[in-house]
Amino acid sequence: MQDYNYVWANCFEITLELSCCKYPPTSELQQEWENNRDSLLAFIEQVHIGVKGFVRDAVTGAGLENATIVVAGIAHNITAGK
């Protein structure tokens, strides 16, 4: 699903695995949080890096749907939504 959303929905999903144990005991969850808290918060801080905004017509200022956004050096184009 992550690959589909990235390619077709301009949505970047991630999966975070905090331990090699798929189902850690409840008694270990607090320690897992403490072990990974700083890294998780640092990751979340990076969310707003990049370009965001609206694609508009240069003359009328109207929003453009399905406009293709191309960035030199990046092999993945993005298509604007509504």
N, C-alpha and C. Protein backbone atom coordinates (compact mmCIF):
# COMPACT_ATOMS: atom_id res chain seq x y z
N MET A 1 0.82 -1.19 0.00
CA MET A 1 0.00 0.00 0.00
C MET A 1 0.87 1.26 0.00
N GLN A 2 2.01 1.21 0.68
CA GLN A 2 2.88 2.39 0.73
C GLN A 2 3.36 2.77 -0.67
N ASP A 3 3.77 1.79 -1.46
CA ASP A 3 4.25 2.07 -2.81
C ASP A 3 3.14 2.65 -3.68
N TYR A 4 1.95 2.07 -3.60
CA TYR A 4 0.82 2.55 -4.38
C TYR A 4 0.51 4.01 -4.03
N ASN A 5 0.43 4.31 -2.75
CA ASN A 5 0.11 5.68 -2.33
C ASN A 5 1.18 6.67 -2.77
N TYR A 6 2.45 6.27 -2.72
CA TYR A 6 3.53 7.18 -3.14
C TYR A 6 3.43 7.49 -4.62
N VAL A 7 3.19 6.47 -5.43
CA VAL A 7 3.17 6.65 -6.88
C VAL A 7 1.88 7.30 -7.37
N TRP A 8 0.73 6.89 -6.82
CA TRP A 8 -0.55 7.30 -7.38
C TRP A 8 -1.30 8.34 -6.56
N ALA A 9 -0.99 8.51 -5.29
CA ALA A 9 -1.78 9.43 -4.46
C ALA A 9 -0.95 10.55 -3.86
N ASN A 10 0.33 10.65 -4.23
CA ASN A 10 1.21 11.69 -3.68
C ASN A 10 1.22 11.66 -2.15
N CYS A 11 1.12 10.48 -1.61
CA CYS A 11 1.08 10.29 -0.16
C CYS A 11 2.27 9.42 0.23
N PHE A 12 3.07 9.89 1.14
CA PHE A 12 4.25 9.15 1.57
C PHE A 12 3.99 8.55 2.94
N GLU A 13 3.79 7.24 2.97
CA GLU A 13 3.54 6.55 4.22
C GLU A 13 4.81 5.86 4.68
N ILE A 14 4.93 5.68 5.97
CA ILE A 14 6.08 4.96 6.52
C ILE A 14 5.60 3.94 7.55
N THR A 15 6.45 2.97 7.79
CA THR A 15 6.24 2.03 8.88
C THR A 15 7.44 2.13 9.80
N LEU A 16 7.20 2.33 11.07
CA LEU A 16 8.29 2.40 12.04
C LEU A 16 8.28 1.14 12.89
N GLU A 17 9.41 0.48 12.94
CA GLU A 17 9.54 -0.70 13.78
C GLU A 17 10.55 -0.36 14.86
N LEU A 18 10.10 -0.40 16.09
CA LEU A 18 10.92 0.06 17.20
C LEU A 18 11.72 -1.05 17.86
N SER A 19 11.40 -2.26 17.53
CA SER A 19 12.04 -3.39 18.19
C SER A 19 12.03 -4.58 17.25
N CYS A 20 12.88 -5.56 17.50
CA CYS A 20 12.84 -6.77 16.70
C CYS A 20 11.70 -7.67 17.15
N CYS A 21 11.11 -7.36 18.29
CA CYS A 21 10.00 -8.13 18.83
C CYS A 21 8.68 -7.58 18.28
N LYS A 22 7.95 -8.40 17.56
CA LYS A 22 6.70 -7.94 16.95
C LYS A 22 5.64 -7.59 18.00
N TYR A 23 5.56 -8.33 19.07
CA TYR A 23 4.57 -8.09 20.12
C TYR A 23 5.28 -8.01 21.48
N PRO A 24 5.89 -6.85 21.78
CA PRO A 24 6.57 -6.74 23.08
C PRO A 24 5.57 -6.79 24.23
N PRO A 25 5.97 -7.33 25.34
CA PRO A 25 5.08 -7.36 26.50
C PRO A 25 4.73 -5.93 26.94
N THR A 26 3.55 -5.77 27.47
CA THR A 26 3.08 -4.47 27.94
C THR A 26 4.08 -3.84 28.90
N SER A 27 4.70 -4.66 29.72
CA SER A 27 5.65 -4.14 30.72
C SER A 27 6.88 -3.50 30.08
N GLU A 28 7.15 -3.77 28.79
CA GLU A 28 8.33 -3.21 28.11
C GLU A 28 8.01 -2.00 27.23
N LEU A 29 6.74 -1.67 27.10
CA LEU A 29 6.37 -0.59 26.20
C LEU A 29 6.91 0.77 26.63
N GLN A 30 6.89 1.06 27.91
CA GLN A 30 7.43 2.34 28.40
C GLN A 30 8.91 2.46 28.05
N GLN A 31 9.66 1.39 28.21
CA GLN A 31 11.09 1.42 27.90
C GLN A 31 11.32 1.60 26.40
N GLU A 32 10.49 0.96 25.57
CA GLU A 32 10.60 1.14 24.11
C GLU A 32 10.37 2.60 23.73
N TRP A 33 9.37 3.22 24.36
CA TRP A 33 9.11 4.64 24.11
C TRP A 33 10.34 5.47 24.50
N GLU A 34 10.88 5.23 25.67
CA GLU A 34 12.04 5.99 26.13
C GLU A 34 13.25 5.76 25.22
N ASN A 35 13.43 4.55 24.73
CA ASN A 35 14.55 4.25 23.84
C ASN A 35 14.44 4.97 22.50
N ASN A 36 13.22 5.23 22.05
CA ASN A 36 13.02 5.75 20.70
C ASN A 36 12.42 7.15 20.63
N ARG A 37 12.11 7.73 21.76
CA ARG A 37 11.42 9.03 21.80
C ARG A 37 12.17 10.12 21.04
N ASP A 38 13.43 10.32 21.35
CA ASP A 38 14.18 11.42 20.72
C ASP A 38 14.29 11.24 19.21
N SER A 39 14.51 10.00 18.77
CA SER A 39 14.60 9.74 17.33
C SER A 39 13.27 9.99 16.65
N LEU A 40 12.18 9.56 17.26
CA LEU A 40 10.86 9.77 16.67
C LEU A 40 10.52 11.25 16.58
N LEU A 41 10.80 12.00 17.63
CA LEU A 41 10.51 13.43 17.61
C LEU A 41 11.39 14.16 16.58
N ALA A 42 12.64 13.75 16.44
CA ALA A 42 13.51 14.36 15.42
C ALA A 42 12.98 14.06 14.02
N PHE A 43 12.47 12.86 13.82
CA PHE A 43 11.88 12.50 12.53
C PHE A 43 10.64 13.35 12.24
N ILE A 44 9.79 13.50 13.22
CA ILE A 44 8.57 14.29 13.04
C ILE A 44 8.89 15.75 12.71
N GLU A 45 9.97 16.28 13.27
CA GLU A 45 10.36 17.66 12.99
C GLU A 45 10.70 17.87 11.51
N GLN A 46 11.06 16.81 10.80
CA GLN A 46 11.45 16.92 9.39
C GLN A 46 10.25 16.97 8.43
N VAL A 47 9.05 16.83 8.95
CA VAL A 47 7.85 16.75 8.11
C VAL A 47 7.71 17.95 7.19
N HIS A 48 8.04 19.12 7.63
CA HIS A 48 7.78 20.32 6.85
C HIS A 48 8.94 20.74 5.95
N ILE A 49 9.93 19.88 5.80
CA ILE A 49 11.02 20.18 4.86
C ILE A 49 10.54 19.88 3.46
N GLY A 50 10.81 20.75 2.54
CA GLY A 50 10.38 20.54 1.16
C GLY A 50 9.53 21.68 0.67
N VAL A 51 8.83 21.45 -0.40
CA VAL A 51 7.99 22.47 -1.01
C VAL A 51 6.54 22.10 -0.80
N LYS A 52 5.74 23.08 -0.48
CA LYS A 52 4.30 22.85 -0.35
C LYS A 52 3.58 24.10 -0.81
N GLY A 53 2.36 23.93 -1.21
CA GLY A 53 1.59 25.09 -1.64
C GLY A 53 0.58 24.72 -2.70
N PHE A 54 0.20 25.70 -3.49
CA PHE A 54 -0.82 25.53 -4.51
C PHE A 54 -0.22 25.81 -5.88
N VAL A 55 -0.70 25.11 -6.89
CA VAL A 55 -0.29 25.36 -8.27
C VAL A 55 -1.38 26.22 -8.89
N ARG A 56 -1.00 27.42 -9.31
CA ARG A 56 -1.98 28.37 -9.83
C ARG A 56 -1.58 28.87 -11.22
N ASP A 57 -2.57 29.24 -11.97
CA ASP A 57 -2.36 29.84 -13.28
C ASP A 57 -1.70 31.20 -13.08
N ALA A 58 -0.66 31.50 -13.86
CA ALA A 58 0.10 32.74 -13.69
C ALA A 58 -0.73 33.98 -14.03
N VAL A 59 -1.70 33.85 -14.90
CA VAL A 59 -2.49 35.01 -15.33
C VAL A 59 -3.73 35.18 -14.46
N THR A 60 -4.51 34.12 -14.32
CA THR A 60 -5.79 34.24 -13.61
C THR A 60 -5.69 33.97 -12.12
N GLY A 61 -4.67 33.25 -11.71
CA GLY A 61 -4.53 32.89 -10.30
C GLY A 61 -5.40 31.71 -9.89
N ALA A 62 -6.12 31.14 -10.87
CA ALA A 62 -6.99 29.99 -10.58
C ALA A 62 -6.14 28.75 -10.29
N GLY A 63 -6.62 27.92 -9.40
CA GLY A 63 -5.92 26.67 -9.10
C GLY A 63 -5.91 25.74 -10.30
N LEU A 64 -4.80 25.03 -10.48
CA LEU A 64 -4.68 24.10 -11.60
C LEU A 64 -4.71 22.67 -11.07
N GLU A 65 -5.67 21.90 -11.55
CA GLU A 65 -5.77 20.49 -11.17
C GLU A 65 -4.89 19.65 -12.08
N ASN A 66 -4.35 18.60 -11.55
CA ASN A 66 -3.56 17.62 -12.31
C ASN A 66 -2.35 18.22 -13.01
N ALA A 67 -1.79 19.30 -12.48
CA ALA A 67 -0.57 19.87 -13.03
C ALA A 67 0.60 18.98 -12.63
N THR A 68 1.51 18.71 -13.56
CA THR A 68 2.68 17.89 -13.27
C THR A 68 3.80 18.78 -12.78
N ILE A 69 4.35 18.43 -11.63
CA ILE A 69 5.44 19.19 -11.03
C ILE A 69 6.72 18.38 -11.21
N VAL A 70 7.69 18.99 -11.90
CA VAL A 70 8.94 18.31 -12.22
C VAL A 70 10.08 19.06 -11.53
N VAL A 71 10.93 18.33 -10.82
CA VAL A 71 12.10 18.92 -10.17
C VAL A 71 13.33 18.29 -10.79
N ALA A 72 14.23 19.12 -11.30
CA ALA A 72 15.45 18.61 -11.92
C ALA A 72 16.25 17.78 -10.92
N GLY A 73 16.68 16.61 -11.36
CA GLY A 73 17.49 15.75 -10.52
C GLY A 73 16.70 14.76 -9.68
N ILE A 74 15.37 14.86 -9.71
CA ILE A 74 14.52 13.92 -8.99
C ILE A 74 13.68 13.17 -10.02
N ALA A 75 13.79 11.87 -10.02
CA ALA A 75 13.15 11.06 -11.07
C ALA A 75 11.70 10.70 -10.78
N HIS A 76 11.06 11.43 -9.90
CA HIS A 76 9.66 11.15 -9.59
C HIS A 76 8.87 12.45 -9.65
N ASN A 77 8.03 12.57 -10.65
CA ASN A 77 7.19 13.75 -10.79
C ASN A 77 5.99 13.64 -9.85
N ILE A 78 5.44 14.77 -9.48
CA ILE A 78 4.25 14.83 -8.63
C ILE A 78 3.13 15.48 -9.44
N THR A 79 1.93 14.98 -9.29
CA THR A 79 0.78 15.58 -9.94
C THR A 79 -0.07 16.27 -8.88
N ALA A 80 -0.36 17.55 -9.13
CA ALA A 80 -1.15 18.33 -8.18
C ALA A 80 -2.57 17.76 -8.07
N GLY A 81 -3.14 17.89 -6.92
CA GLY A 81 -4.52 17.45 -6.71
C GLY A 81 -5.49 18.55 -7.06
N LYS A 82 -6.66 18.52 -6.45
CA LYS A 82 -7.67 19.55 -6.71
C LYS A 82 -7.33 20.83 -5.97
